[in-house]
Amino acid sequence: MKLKRFSIGYRTMKTAAGVAIAISLAQFFQLDYYVSAGILTILCIQPTKKKSIRAAFSRLVASLIGIGYAFVFLEGIAYHPAVIGIMILLFIPVLVSLRFSDGFVSSSVILLHIYDSKNLTLDLFLNELSLMAVGFGTALAVNMYMPSIERKLNAYRYEIESLYSSIFQEIVIFLRQGDSAWTGKELTDSAALLKKAKALAYQDVENHVTRLENKYYHYFDMREQQLEIIERILPQITALPVIVGHTHLVADFLEDLALHVHSGNTAYRYISKLQAVKDDFATMPLPNTHEKFLAMAALYQVIQEMEDYLEIKSSYKGFTNKKTAEIN
């Protein structure tokens, strides 16, 4: 059996550092059950900043509700295993209904402290609040710094553009030669890459507390919509019964487009060029056979689809950087 390669991730390092800091602070302030500060920190360190903030809030609210339950059940009835069992039985559904169920484990830590002390005093209450402040606060502090993933997002962006360019070039070959050895691998690669890229872009959104939108996410979403159009036109192109004069007009346009797939917003130029192709279509002789008519109709449908392809791009603002500026 092959063992997985040993590695220490960034989140693992933050968790280790956070636990050490939380326990040290709790010891420094001479808090009872100081080790639990480390547990609370572990529970709050999440993959993104927003998730970490939500986790801290959820666990704080759940813990405060738990203290209220402890006062009613343990102080009001008895400090007995059966009582704490009944209390938890009633406590969990309340957290679920309030959508704070992810705070159950941290609140259980607080509940067990109270059960162990056998007396819910003001000092113990303040001690538990201090543990929460140290544990949750430390988790938020160490999680506020996230490594930049912009370089990886840009790499995905350029790779997708390269794949789209290759797809159009293969379509051009088919239109001009009527045959191609293309396997269509770029299509599946594009779909898989877009899925990964959108997930990473969403993670970037979650790592910016005040940012609600992300230019990369919108970009990959735009490319995903375009991919759906590419997948729709391929069957029409591969099913062309004959090569007609109109075929070369579409091939020339797609070849030009294949050489200029980038992140800048120059779709308006190609919308104008596509209109010129449509105008040329109108001036060409009408087909004199049924097969040629079917071919011309299919090509015209491809043009209509490509118009939608470009409209999707034109609604996107585009990236402004050195690379795209050079292409534009």
C-alpha atoms as a PDB file:
ATOM      1  CA  MET A   1       0.000   0.000   0.000  1.00  0.00           C
ATOM      2  CA  LYS A   2       1.442   3.343  -1.054  1.00  0.00           C
ATOM      3  CA  LEU A   3       1.455   5.970   1.677  1.00  0.00           C
ATOM      4  CA  LYS A   4       0.288   9.484   0.928  1.00  0.00           C
ATOM      5  CA  ARG A   5       3.102  12.018   0.729  1.00  0.00           C
ATOM      6  CA  PHE A   6       3.703  13.706   4.076  1.00  0.00           C
ATOM      7  CA  SER A   7       3.056  17.430   3.982  1.00  0.00           C
ATOM      8  CA  ILE A   8       2.141  20.247   6.350  1.00  0.00           C
ATOM      9  CA  GLY A   9      -0.410  22.667   4.956  1.00  0.00           C
ATOM     10  CA  TYR A  10      -0.838  26.332   5.755  1.00  0.00           C
ATOM     11  CA  ARG A  11      -4.053  25.710   7.716  1.00  0.00           C
ATOM     12  CA  THR A  12      -2.298  23.029   9.787  1.00  0.00           C
ATOM     13  CA  MET A  13       0.459  25.472  10.725  1.00  0.00           C
ATOM     14  CA  LYS A  14      -2.101  28.122  11.684  1.00  0.00           C
ATOM     15  CA  THR A  15      -3.987  25.608  13.820  1.00  0.00           C
ATOM     16  CA  ALA A  16      -0.824  24.554  15.657  1.00  0.00           C
ATOM     17  CA  ALA A  17       0.193  28.166  16.254  1.00  0.00           C
ATOM     18  CA  GLY A  18      -3.334  29.152  17.316  1.00  0.00           C
ATOM     19  CA  VAL A  19      -3.583  26.346  19.876  1.00  0.00           C
ATOM     20  CA  ALA A  20      -0.229  27.262  21.399  1.00  0.00           C
ATOM     21  CA  ILE A  21      -1.153  30.956  21.581  1.00  0.00           C
ATOM     22  CA  ALA A  22      -4.637  30.322  23.032  1.00  0.00           C
ATOM     23  CA  ILE A  23      -3.396  27.992  25.763  1.00  0.00           C
ATOM     24  CA  SER A  24      -0.532  30.358  26.628  1.00  0.00           C
ATOM     25  CA  LEU A  25      -2.941  33.309  26.958  1.00  0.00           C
ATOM     26  CA  ALA A  26      -5.399  31.291  29.041  1.00  0.00           C
ATOM     27  CA  GLN A  27      -2.570  30.227  31.361  1.00  0.00           C
ATOM     28  CA  PHE A  28      -1.280  33.788  31.551  1.00  0.00           C
ATOM     29  CA  PHE A  29      -4.716  35.009  32.689  1.00  0.00           C
ATOM     30  CA  GLN A  30      -4.887  32.078  35.120  1.00  0.00           C
ATOM     31  CA  LEU A  31      -8.158  30.754  33.730  1.00  0.00           C
ATOM     32  CA  ASP A  32      -9.581  27.471  34.942  1.00  0.00           C
ATOM     33  CA  TYR A  33      -9.732  24.724  32.292  1.00  0.00           C
ATOM     34  CA  TYR A  34      -7.182  26.743  30.303  1.00  0.00           C
ATOM     35  CA  VAL A  35      -6.459  23.802  27.969  1.00  0.00           C
ATOM     36  CA  SER A  36      -9.990  24.147  26.587  1.00  0.00           C
ATOM     37  CA  ALA A  37      -9.000  27.462  25.006  1.00  0.00           C
ATOM     38  CA  GLY A  38      -6.944  25.414  22.567  1.00  0.00           C
ATOM     39  CA  ILE A  39      -9.944  23.203  21.767  1.00  0.00           C
ATOM     40  CA  LEU A  40     -12.123  26.240  21.071  1.00  0.00           C
ATOM     41  CA  THR A  41      -9.429  27.612  18.769  1.00  0.00           C
ATOM     42  CA  ILE A  42      -9.235  24.361  16.786  1.00  0.00           C
ATOM     43  CA  LEU A  43     -13.011  24.380  16.292  1.00  0.00           C
ATOM     44  CA  CYS A  44     -12.976  27.908  14.855  1.00  0.00           C
ATOM     45  CA  ILE A  45     -10.114  27.766  12.367  1.00  0.00           C
ATOM     46  CA  GLN A  46     -11.831  27.342   9.003  1.00  0.00           C
ATOM     47  CA  PRO A  47     -10.657  27.334   5.349  1.00  0.00           C
ATOM     48  CA  THR A  48     -11.748  30.961   4.761  1.00  0.00           C
ATOM     49  CA  LYS A  49     -12.068  34.188   6.751  1.00  0.00           C
ATOM     50  CA  LYS A  50     -15.849  34.431   6.391  1.00  0.00           C
ATOM     51  CA  LYS A  51     -16.321  30.824   7.466  1.00  0.00           C
ATOM     52  CA  SER A  52     -14.103  31.436  10.480  1.00  0.00           C
ATOM     53  CA  ILE A  53     -16.149  34.500  11.508  1.00  0.00           C
ATOM     54  CA  ARG A  54     -19.416  32.585  11.068  1.00  0.00           C
ATOM     55  CA  ALA A  55     -18.000  29.663  13.055  1.00  0.00           C
ATOM     56  CA  ALA A  56     -16.931  31.920  15.946  1.00  0.00           C
ATOM     57  CA  PHE A  57     -20.325  33.642  16.061  1.00  0.00           C
ATOM     58  CA  SER A  58     -22.220  30.340  15.903  1.00  0.00           C
ATOM     59  CA  ARG A  59     -20.120  28.780  18.657  1.00  0.00           C
ATOM     60  CA  LEU A  60     -20.398  31.847  20.876  1.00  0.00           C
ATOM     61  CA  VAL A  61     -24.206  31.921  20.616  1.00  0.00           C
ATOM     62  CA  ALA A  62     -24.458  28.145  21.120  1.00  0.00           C
ATOM     63  CA  SER A  63     -22.232  28.340  24.201  1.00  0.00           C
ATOM     64  CA  LEU A  64     -24.305  31.150  25.732  1.00  0.00           C
ATOM     65  CA  ILE A  65     -27.489  29.159  25.123  1.00  0.00           C
ATOM     66  CA  GLY A  66     -25.761  26.157  26.694  1.00  0.00           C
ATOM     67  CA  ILE A  67     -24.940  28.159  29.827  1.00  0.00           C
ATOM     68  CA  GLY A  68     -28.609  29.101  30.066  1.00  0.00           C
ATOM     69  CA  TYR A  69     -29.590  25.431  29.823  1.00  0.00           C
ATOM     70  CA  ALA A  70     -27.016  24.560  32.497  1.00  0.00           C
ATOM     71  CA  PHE A  71     -28.525  27.137  34.842  1.00  0.00           C
ATOM     72  CA  VAL A  72     -32.049  25.745  34.353  1.00  0.00           C
ATOM     73  CA  PHE A  73     -31.264  22.031  34.434  1.00  0.00           C
ATOM     74  CA  LEU A  74     -28.127  21.623  36.519  1.00  0.00           C
ATOM     75  CA  GLU A  75     -28.752  24.407  39.016  1.00  0.00           C
ATOM     76  CA  GLY A  76     -32.530  23.985  38.948  1.00  0.00           C
ATOM     77  CA  ILE A  77     -32.667  20.182  39.176  1.00  0.00           C
ATOM     78  CA  ALA A  78     -29.386  18.440  40.003  1.00  0.00           C
ATOM     79  CA  TYR A  79     -25.834  17.845  38.883  1.00  0.00           C
ATOM     80  CA  HIS A  80     -26.471  14.267  37.777  1.00  0.00           C
ATOM     81  CA  PRO A  81     -25.526  12.312  34.615  1.00  0.00           C
ATOM     82  CA  ALA A  82     -29.179  11.618  33.834  1.00  0.00           C
ATOM     83  CA  VAL A  83     -30.001  15.334  34.043  1.00  0.00           C
ATOM     84  CA  ILE A  84     -27.170  16.362  31.704  1.00  0.00           C
ATOM     85  CA  GLY A  85     -28.261  13.618  29.306  1.00  0.00           C
ATOM     86  CA  ILE A  86     -31.838  14.966  29.230  1.00  0.00           C
ATOM     87  CA  MET A  87     -30.502  18.508  28.909  1.00  0.00           C
ATOM     88  CA  ILE A  88     -28.417  17.631  25.845  1.00  0.00           C
ATOM     89  CA  LEU A  89     -31.383  15.722  24.401  1.00  0.00           C
ATOM     90  CA  LEU A  90     -33.396  18.949  24.497  1.00  0.00           C
ATOM     91  CA  PHE A  91     -30.472  21.243  23.736  1.00  0.00           C
ATOM     92  CA  ILE A  92     -29.500  19.829  20.318  1.00  0.00           C
ATOM     93  CA  PRO A  93     -32.922  20.321  18.624  1.00  0.00           C
ATOM     94  CA  VAL A  94     -32.926  23.958  19.734  1.00  0.00           C
ATOM     95  CA  LEU A  95     -29.495  24.557  18.159  1.00  0.00           C
ATOM     96  CA  VAL A  96     -30.622  22.838  14.968  1.00  0.00           C
ATOM     97  CA  SER A  97     -33.810  24.918  14.742  1.00  0.00           C
ATOM     98  CA  LEU A  98     -31.797  28.128  15.325  1.00  0.00           C
ATOM     99  CA  ARG A  99     -29.172  26.992  12.793  1.00  0.00           C
ATOM    100  CA  PHE A 100     -26.371  26.948  15.341  1.00  0.00           C
ATOM    101  CA  SER A 101     -25.870  23.176  15.327  1.00  0.00           C
ATOM    102  CA  ASP A 102     -22.187  23.540  14.377  1.00  0.00           C
ATOM    103  CA  GLY A 103     -21.658  25.173  17.770  1.00  0.00           C
ATOM    104  CA  PHE A 104     -22.705  22.079  19.719  1.00  0.00           C
ATOM    105  CA  VAL A 105     -19.207  20.710  20.337  1.00  0.00           C
ATOM    106  CA  SER A 106     -17.810  23.992  21.684  1.00  0.00           C
ATOM    107  CA  SER A 107     -20.909  24.547  23.856  1.00  0.00           C
ATOM    108  CA  SER A 108     -20.543  20.994  25.181  1.00  0.00           C
ATOM    109  CA  VAL A 109     -17.044  21.895  26.376  1.00  0.00           C
ATOM    110  CA  ILE A 110     -18.510  24.767  28.380  1.00  0.00           C
ATOM    111  CA  LEU A 111     -21.373  22.611  29.696  1.00  0.00           C
ATOM    112  CA  LEU A 112     -18.973  19.957  30.935  1.00  0.00           C
ATOM    113  CA  HIS A 113     -16.915  22.593  32.749  1.00  0.00           C
ATOM    114  CA  ILE A 114     -20.035  23.668  34.618  1.00  0.00           C
ATOM    115  CA  TYR A 115     -21.003  20.066  35.345  1.00  0.00           C
ATOM    116  CA  ASP A 116     -17.486  19.360  36.645  1.00  0.00           C
ATOM    117  CA  SER A 117     -17.539  22.404  38.947  1.00  0.00           C
ATOM    118  CA  LYS A 118     -20.954  21.457  40.441  1.00  0.00           C
ATOM    119  CA  ASN A 119     -21.727  25.131  40.938  1.00  0.00           C
ATOM    120  CA  LEU A 120     -22.508  27.829  38.376  1.00  0.00           C
ATOM    121  CA  THR A 121     -21.121  30.932  40.049  1.00  0.00           C
ATOM    122  CA  LEU A 122     -20.442  34.371  38.619  1.00  0.00           C
ATOM    123  CA  ASP A 123     -16.699  33.638  38.701  1.00  0.00           C
ATOM    124  CA  LEU A 124     -17.187  30.457  36.685  1.00  0.00           C
ATOM    125  CA  PHE A 125     -19.439  32.275  34.220  1.00  0.00           C
ATOM    126  CA  LEU A 126     -16.767  34.965  33.706  1.00  0.00           C
ATOM    127  CA  ASN A 127     -14.109  32.257  33.399  1.00  0.00           C
ATOM    128  CA  GLU A 128     -16.057  30.558  30.591  1.00  0.00           C
ATOM    129  CA  LEU A 129     -16.616  33.861  28.807  1.00  0.00           C
ATOM    130  CA  SER A 130     -12.875  34.525  29.044  1.00  0.00           C
ATOM    131  CA  LEU A 131     -12.085  31.083  27.628  1.00  0.00           C
ATOM    132  CA  MET A 132     -14.398  31.772  24.710  1.00  0.00           C
ATOM    133  CA  ALA A 133     -12.856  35.187  24.140  1.00  0.00           C
ATOM    134  CA  VAL A 134      -9.335  33.736  24.123  1.00  0.00           C
ATOM    135  CA  GLY A 135     -10.188  30.638  22.065  1.00  0.00           C
ATOM    136  CA  PHE A 136     -12.433  32.248  19.461  1.00  0.00           C
ATOM    137  CA  GLY A 137     -10.418  35.460  19.368  1.00  0.00           C
ATOM    138  CA  THR A 138      -7.153  33.625  18.746  1.00  0.00           C
ATOM    139  CA  ALA A 139      -8.743  31.592  15.936  1.00  0.00           C
ATOM    140  CA  LEU A 140     -10.004  34.748  14.238  1.00  0.00           C
ATOM    141  CA  ALA A 141      -6.648  36.479  14.668  1.00  0.00           C
ATOM    142  CA  VAL A 142      -4.540  33.696  13.114  1.00  0.00           C
ATOM    143  CA  ASN A 143      -7.102  33.177  10.347  1.00  0.00           C
ATOM    144  CA  MET A 144      -7.162  36.814   9.246  1.00  0.00           C
ATOM    145  CA  TYR A 145      -4.129  36.286   7.037  1.00  0.00           C
ATOM    146  CA  MET A 146      -4.685  34.101   3.995  1.00  0.00           C
ATOM    147  CA  PRO A 147      -2.092  33.431   1.273  1.00  0.00           C
ATOM    148  CA  SER A 148      -2.943  35.028  -2.064  1.00  0.00           C
ATOM    149  CA  ILE A 149      -4.399  32.675  -4.662  1.00  0.00           C
ATOM    150  CA  GLU A 150      -4.475  35.266  -7.449  1.00  0.00           C
ATOM    151  CA  ARG A 151      -1.501  33.728  -9.248  1.00  0.00           C
ATOM    152  CA  LYS A 152      -3.287  30.371  -9.441  1.00  0.00           C
ATOM    153  CA  LEU A 153      -6.518  32.020 -10.609  1.00  0.00           C
ATOM    154  CA  ASN A 154      -4.604  33.794 -13.373  1.00  0.00           C
ATOM    155  CA  ALA A 155      -3.001  30.489 -14.373  1.00  0.00           C
ATOM    156  CA  TYR A 156      -6.472  28.944 -14.675  1.00  0.00           C
ATOM    157  CA  ARG A 157      -7.612  31.938 -16.712  1.00  0.00           C
ATOM    158  CA  TYR A 158      -4.799  31.676 -19.247  1.00  0.00           C
ATOM    159  CA  GLU A 159      -5.179  27.900 -19.489  1.00  0.00           C
ATOM    160  CA  ILE A 160      -8.906  28.186 -20.238  1.00  0.00           C
ATOM    161  CA  GLU A 161      -8.248  30.801 -22.910  1.00  0.00           C
ATOM    162  CA  SER A 162      -5.652  28.497 -24.487  1.00  0.00           C
ATOM    163  CA  LEU A 163      -8.131  25.609 -24.492  1.00  0.00           C
ATOM    164  CA  TYR A 164     -10.845  27.735 -26.121  1.00  0.00           C
ATOM    165  CA  SER A 165      -8.382  28.867 -28.772  1.00  0.00           C
ATOM    166  CA  SER A 166      -7.489  25.241 -29.512  1.00  0.00           C
ATOM    167  CA  ILE A 167     -11.160  24.288 -29.769  1.00  0.00           C
ATOM    168  CA  PHE A 168     -11.864  27.001 -32.338  1.00  0.00           C
ATOM    169  CA  GLN A 169      -8.760  26.046 -34.317  1.00  0.00           C
ATOM    170  CA  GLU A 170      -9.941  22.436 -34.470  1.00  0.00           C
ATOM    171  CA  ILE A 171     -13.365  23.599 -35.653  1.00  0.00           C
ATOM    172  CA  VAL A 172     -11.672  25.631 -38.397  1.00  0.00           C
ATOM    173  CA  ILE A 173      -9.719  22.561 -39.551  1.00  0.00           C
ATOM    174  CA  PHE A 174     -12.934  20.563 -39.745  1.00  0.00           C
ATOM    175  CA  LEU A 175     -14.746  23.294 -41.679  1.00  0.00           C
ATOM    176  CA  ARG A 176     -11.965  23.557 -44.258  1.00  0.00           C
ATOM    177  CA  GLN A 177     -11.110  19.893 -44.648  1.00  0.00           C
ATOM    178  CA  GLY A 178     -14.427  18.232 -43.829  1.00  0.00           C
ATOM    179  CA  ASP A 179     -12.655  15.884 -41.444  1.00  0.00           C
ATOM    180  CA  SER A 180     -10.483  15.992 -38.353  1.00  0.00           C
ATOM    181  CA  ALA A 181      -8.654  13.661 -35.994  1.00  0.00           C
ATOM    182  CA  TRP A 182      -9.663  15.815 -33.047  1.00  0.00           C
ATOM    183  CA  THR A 183     -10.734  13.813 -29.964  1.00  0.00           C
ATOM    184  CA  GLY A 184     -12.563  16.671 -28.251  1.00  0.00           C
ATOM    185  CA  LYS A 185     -10.305  16.411 -25.197  1.00  0.00           C
ATOM    186  CA  GLU A 186     -10.162  20.197 -24.845  1.00  0.00           C
ATOM    187  CA  LEU A 187     -13.899  20.274 -24.195  1.00  0.00           C
ATOM    188  CA  THR A 188     -13.743  17.930 -21.201  1.00  0.00           C
ATOM    189  CA  ASP A 189     -10.562  19.623 -19.985  1.00  0.00           C
ATOM    190  CA  SER A 190     -12.288  23.017 -20.151  1.00  0.00           C
ATOM    191  CA  ALA A 191     -15.327  21.812 -18.206  1.00  0.00           C
ATOM    192  CA  ALA A 192     -13.172  20.252 -15.473  1.00  0.00           C
ATOM    193  CA  LEU A 193     -10.900  23.292 -15.260  1.00  0.00           C
ATOM    194  CA  LEU A 194     -13.836  25.717 -15.041  1.00  0.00           C
ATOM    195  CA  LYS A 195     -15.273  23.736 -12.154  1.00  0.00           C
ATOM    196  CA  LYS A 196     -11.979  23.925 -10.241  1.00  0.00           C
ATOM    197  CA  ALA A 197     -11.484  27.578 -11.121  1.00  0.00           C
ATOM    198  CA  LYS A 198     -14.954  28.638  -9.952  1.00  0.00           C
ATOM    199  CA  ALA A 199     -14.476  26.785  -6.653  1.00  0.00           C
ATOM    200  CA  LEU A 200     -11.147  28.533  -6.087  1.00  0.00           C
ATOM    201  CA  ALA A 201     -12.617  31.915  -7.057  1.00  0.00           C
ATOM    202  CA  TYR A 202     -15.451  31.412  -4.561  1.00  0.00           C
ATOM    203  CA  GLN A 203     -12.863  30.651  -1.889  1.00  0.00           C
ATOM    204  CA  ASP A 204     -11.222  33.979  -2.742  1.00  0.00           C
ATOM    205  CA  VAL A 205     -14.579  35.721  -2.190  1.00  0.00           C
ATOM    206  CA  GLU A 206     -14.858  34.044   1.219  1.00  0.00           C
ATOM    207  CA  ASN A 207     -11.400  35.306   2.168  1.00  0.00           C
ATOM    208  CA  HIS A 208     -12.404  38.966   1.737  1.00  0.00           C
ATOM    209  CA  VAL A 209     -14.793  39.951   4.509  1.00  0.00           C
ATOM    210  CA  THR A 210     -16.164  43.114   2.887  1.00  0.00           C
ATOM    211  CA  ARG A 211     -16.052  41.943  -0.738  1.00  0.00           C
ATOM    212  CA  LEU A 212     -19.310  40.494  -2.049  1.00  0.00           C
ATOM    213  CA  GLU A 213     -18.205  39.917  -5.646  1.00  0.00           C
ATOM    214  CA  ASN A 214     -15.138  38.529  -7.350  1.00  0.00           C
ATOM    215  CA  LYS A 215     -13.912  39.402 -10.836  1.00  0.00           C
ATOM    216  CA  TYR A 216     -12.455  35.931 -11.303  1.00  0.00           C
ATOM    217  CA  TYR A 217     -15.694  34.174 -10.373  1.00  0.00           C
ATOM    218  CA  HIS A 218     -17.636  36.308 -12.870  1.00  0.00           C
ATOM    219  CA  TYR A 219     -14.986  35.614 -15.495  1.00  0.00           C
ATOM    220  CA  PHE A 220     -15.128  31.832 -15.073  1.00  0.00           C
ATOM    221  CA  ASP A 221     -18.923  31.941 -14.971  1.00  0.00           C
ATOM    222  CA  MET A 222     -18.886  33.852 -18.256  1.00  0.00           C
ATOM    223  CA  ARG A 223     -16.552  31.271 -19.798  1.00  0.00           C
ATOM    224  CA  GLU A 224     -18.810  28.479 -18.571  1.00  0.00           C
ATOM    225  CA  GLN A 225     -21.778  30.019 -20.379  1.00  0.00           C
ATOM    226  CA  GLN A 226     -19.664  30.314 -23.528  1.00  0.00           C
ATOM    227  CA  LEU A 227     -18.642  26.671 -23.266  1.00  0.00           C
ATOM    228  CA  GLU A 228     -22.308  25.671 -23.363  1.00  0.00           C
ATOM    229  CA  ILE A 229     -22.630  27.517 -26.679  1.00  0.00           C
ATOM    230  CA  ILE A 230     -19.504  25.852 -28.089  1.00  0.00           C
ATOM    231  CA  GLU A 231     -20.945  22.467 -27.148  1.00  0.00           C
ATOM    232  CA  ARG A 232     -24.170  23.360 -28.970  1.00  0.00           C
ATOM    233  CA  ILE A 233     -22.513  24.382 -32.248  1.00  0.00           C
ATOM    234  CA  LEU A 234     -20.211  21.371 -32.527  1.00  0.00           C
ATOM    235  CA  PRO A 235     -22.946  18.878 -33.534  1.00  0.00           C
ATOM    236  CA  GLN A 236     -24.160  21.310 -36.191  1.00  0.00           C
ATOM    237  CA  ILE A 237     -20.666  21.647 -37.650  1.00  0.00           C
ATOM    238  CA  THR A 238     -19.790  17.940 -37.566  1.00  0.00           C
ATOM    239  CA  ALA A 239     -23.125  17.104 -39.227  1.00  0.00           C
ATOM    240  CA  LEU A 240     -22.604  19.376 -42.259  1.00  0.00           C
ATOM    241  CA  PRO A 241     -23.609  17.319 -45.312  1.00  0.00           C
ATOM    242  CA  VAL A 242     -21.359  19.203 -47.762  1.00  0.00           C
ATOM    243  CA  ILE A 243     -18.794  21.992 -47.890  1.00  0.00           C
ATOM    244  CA  VAL A 244     -20.314  25.155 -49.358  1.00  0.00           C
ATOM    245  CA  GLY A 245     -18.951  28.620 -50.032  1.00  0.00           C
ATOM    246  CA  HIS A 246     -20.493  29.856 -46.804  1.00  0.00           C
ATOM    247  CA  THR A 247     -18.306  27.410 -44.890  1.00  0.00           C
ATOM    248  CA  HIS A 248     -15.136  29.383 -45.609  1.00  0.00           C
ATOM    249  CA  LEU A 249     -16.705  32.610 -44.330  1.00  0.00           C
ATOM    250  CA  VAL A 250     -17.436  30.982 -40.977  1.00  0.00           C
ATOM    251  CA  ALA A 251     -14.009  29.293 -40.905  1.00  0.00           C
ATOM    252  CA  ASP A 252     -12.196  32.594 -41.517  1.00  0.00           C
ATOM    253  CA  PHE A 253     -14.160  34.278 -38.748  1.00  0.00           C
ATOM    254  CA  LEU A 254     -13.523  31.476 -36.235  1.00  0.00           C
ATOM    255  CA  GLU A 255      -9.833  31.388 -37.126  1.00  0.00           C
ATOM    256  CA  ASP A 256      -9.545  35.100 -36.385  1.00  0.00           C
ATOM    257  CA  LEU A 257     -11.428  34.581 -33.115  1.00  0.00           C
ATOM    258  CA  ALA A 258      -9.190  31.629 -32.154  1.00  0.00           C
ATOM    259  CA  LEU A 259      -6.135  33.859 -32.360  1.00  0.00           C
ATOM    260  CA  HIS A 260      -7.636  36.457 -30.033  1.00  0.00           C
ATOM    261  CA  VAL A 261      -9.175  34.584 -27.103  1.00  0.00           C
ATOM    262  CA  HIS A 262      -8.218  36.657 -24.084  1.00  0.00           C
ATOM    263  CA  SER A 263      -9.594  38.355 -20.953  1.00  0.00           C
ATOM    264  CA  GLY A 264     -10.024  41.838 -22.336  1.00  0.00           C
ATOM    265  CA  ASN A 265     -13.398  43.000 -23.563  1.00  0.00           C
ATOM    266  CA  THR A 266     -13.051  43.381 -27.333  1.00  0.00           C
ATOM    267  CA  ALA A 267     -16.171  41.387 -28.177  1.00  0.00           C
ATOM    268  CA  TYR A 268     -17.723  44.451 -29.848  1.00  0.00           C
ATOM    269  CA  ARG A 269     -15.107  44.195 -32.604  1.00  0.00           C
ATOM    270  CA  TYR A 270     -16.051  40.615 -33.362  1.00  0.00           C
ATOM    271  CA  ILE A 271     -19.755  41.369 -33.204  1.00  0.00           C
ATOM    272  CA  SER A 272     -19.110  43.856 -36.049  1.00  0.00           C
ATOM    273  CA  LYS A 273     -17.072  41.275 -37.951  1.00  0.00           C
ATOM    274  CA  LEU A 274     -19.809  38.700 -37.451  1.00  0.00           C
ATOM    275  CA  GLN A 275     -22.348  41.138 -38.856  1.00  0.00           C
ATOM    276  CA  ALA A 276     -20.127  41.468 -41.914  1.00  0.00           C
ATOM    277  CA  VAL A 277     -20.164  37.679 -42.274  1.00  0.00           C
ATOM    278  CA  LYS A 278     -23.979  37.728 -42.112  1.00  0.00           C
ATOM    279  CA  ASP A 279     -24.052  40.424 -44.788  1.00  0.00           C
ATOM    280  CA  ASP A 280     -21.789  38.311 -47.020  1.00  0.00           C
ATOM    281  CA  PHE A 281     -24.128  35.386 -46.465  1.00  0.00           C
ATOM    282  CA  ALA A 282     -26.987  37.457 -47.870  1.00  0.00           C
ATOM    283  CA  THR A 283     -25.097  38.288 -51.066  1.00  0.00           C
ATOM    284  CA  MET A 284     -24.030  34.712 -51.868  1.00  0.00           C
ATOM    285  CA  PRO A 285     -26.009  32.611 -54.396  1.00  0.00           C
ATOM    286  CA  LEU A 286     -28.845  30.523 -53.021  1.00  0.00           C
ATOM    287  CA  PRO A 287     -28.144  26.779 -52.692  1.00  0.00           C
ATOM    288  CA  ASN A 288     -29.234  24.671 -55.659  1.00  0.00           C
ATOM    289  CA  THR A 289     -29.451  21.342 -53.831  1.00  0.00           C
ATOM    290  CA  HIS A 290     -31.150  20.143 -50.681  1.00  0.00           C
ATOM    291  CA  GLU A 291     -27.825  19.200 -49.057  1.00  0.00           C
ATOM    292  CA  LYS A 292     -26.348  22.633 -49.702  1.00  0.00           C
ATOM    293  CA  PHE A 293     -29.462  24.246 -48.271  1.00  0.00           C
ATOM    294  CA  LEU A 294     -29.116  22.174 -45.080  1.00  0.00           C
ATOM    295  CA  ALA A 295     -25.434  23.097 -44.848  1.00  0.00           C
ATOM    296  CA  MET A 296     -26.142  26.804 -45.277  1.00  0.00           C
ATOM    297  CA  ALA A 297     -28.937  26.687 -42.671  1.00  0.00           C
ATOM    298  CA  ALA A 298     -26.651  24.910 -40.185  1.00  0.00           C
ATOM    299  CA  LEU A 299     -23.872  27.451 -40.740  1.00  0.00           C
ATOM    300  CA  TYR A 300     -26.271  30.323 -40.276  1.00  0.00           C
ATOM    301  CA  GLN A 301     -27.369  28.763 -36.970  1.00  0.00           C
ATOM    302  CA  VAL A 302     -23.699  28.596 -35.960  1.00  0.00           C
ATOM    303  CA  ILE A 303     -23.408  32.315 -36.665  1.00  0.00           C
ATOM    304  CA  GLN A 304     -26.447  33.017 -34.503  1.00  0.00           C
ATOM    305  CA  GLU A 305     -24.934  30.963 -31.663  1.00  0.00           C
ATOM    306  CA  MET A 306     -21.597  32.773 -32.003  1.00  0.00           C
ATOM    307  CA  GLU A 307     -23.442  36.053 -31.748  1.00  0.00           C
ATOM    308  CA  ASP A 308     -24.752  34.900 -28.366  1.00  0.00           C
ATOM    309  CA  TYR A 309     -21.208  33.799 -27.481  1.00  0.00           C
ATOM    310  CA  LEU A 310     -19.911  37.304 -28.143  1.00  0.00           C
ATOM    311  CA  GLU A 311     -22.844  39.008 -26.408  1.00  0.00           C
ATOM    312  CA  ILE A 312     -21.997  37.088 -23.230  1.00  0.00           C
ATOM    313  CA  LYS A 313     -18.424  38.357 -23.465  1.00  0.00           C
ATOM    314  CA  SER A 314     -19.502  41.934 -24.237  1.00  0.00           C
ATOM    315  CA  SER A 315     -21.501  42.084 -20.999  1.00  0.00           C
ATOM    316  CA  TYR A 316     -18.331  41.245 -19.077  1.00  0.00           C
ATOM    317  CA  LYS A 317     -16.064  44.150 -18.151  1.00  0.00           C
ATOM    318  CA  GLY A 318     -12.846  42.204 -18.686  1.00  0.00           C
ATOM    319  CA  PHE A 319      -9.482  42.284 -16.948  1.00  0.00           C
ATOM    320  CA  THR A 320      -7.211  45.266 -17.230  1.00  0.00           C
ATOM    321  CA  ASN A 321      -3.636  44.144 -17.111  1.00  0.00           C
ATOM    322  CA  LYS A 322      -0.467  44.313 -19.161  1.00  0.00           C
ATOM    323  CA  LYS A 323      -1.010  41.031 -20.971  1.00  0.00           C
ATOM    324  CA  THR A 324      -4.519  41.784 -22.208  1.00  0.00           C
ATOM    325  CA  ALA A 325      -3.592  45.366 -23.045  1.00  0.00           C
ATOM    326  CA  GLU A 326      -0.891  44.092 -25.411  1.00  0.00           C
ATOM    327  CA  ILE A 327      -3.375  41.783 -27.174  1.00  0.00           C
ATOM    328  CA  ASN A 328      -6.029  44.455 -27.471  1.00  0.00           C
END
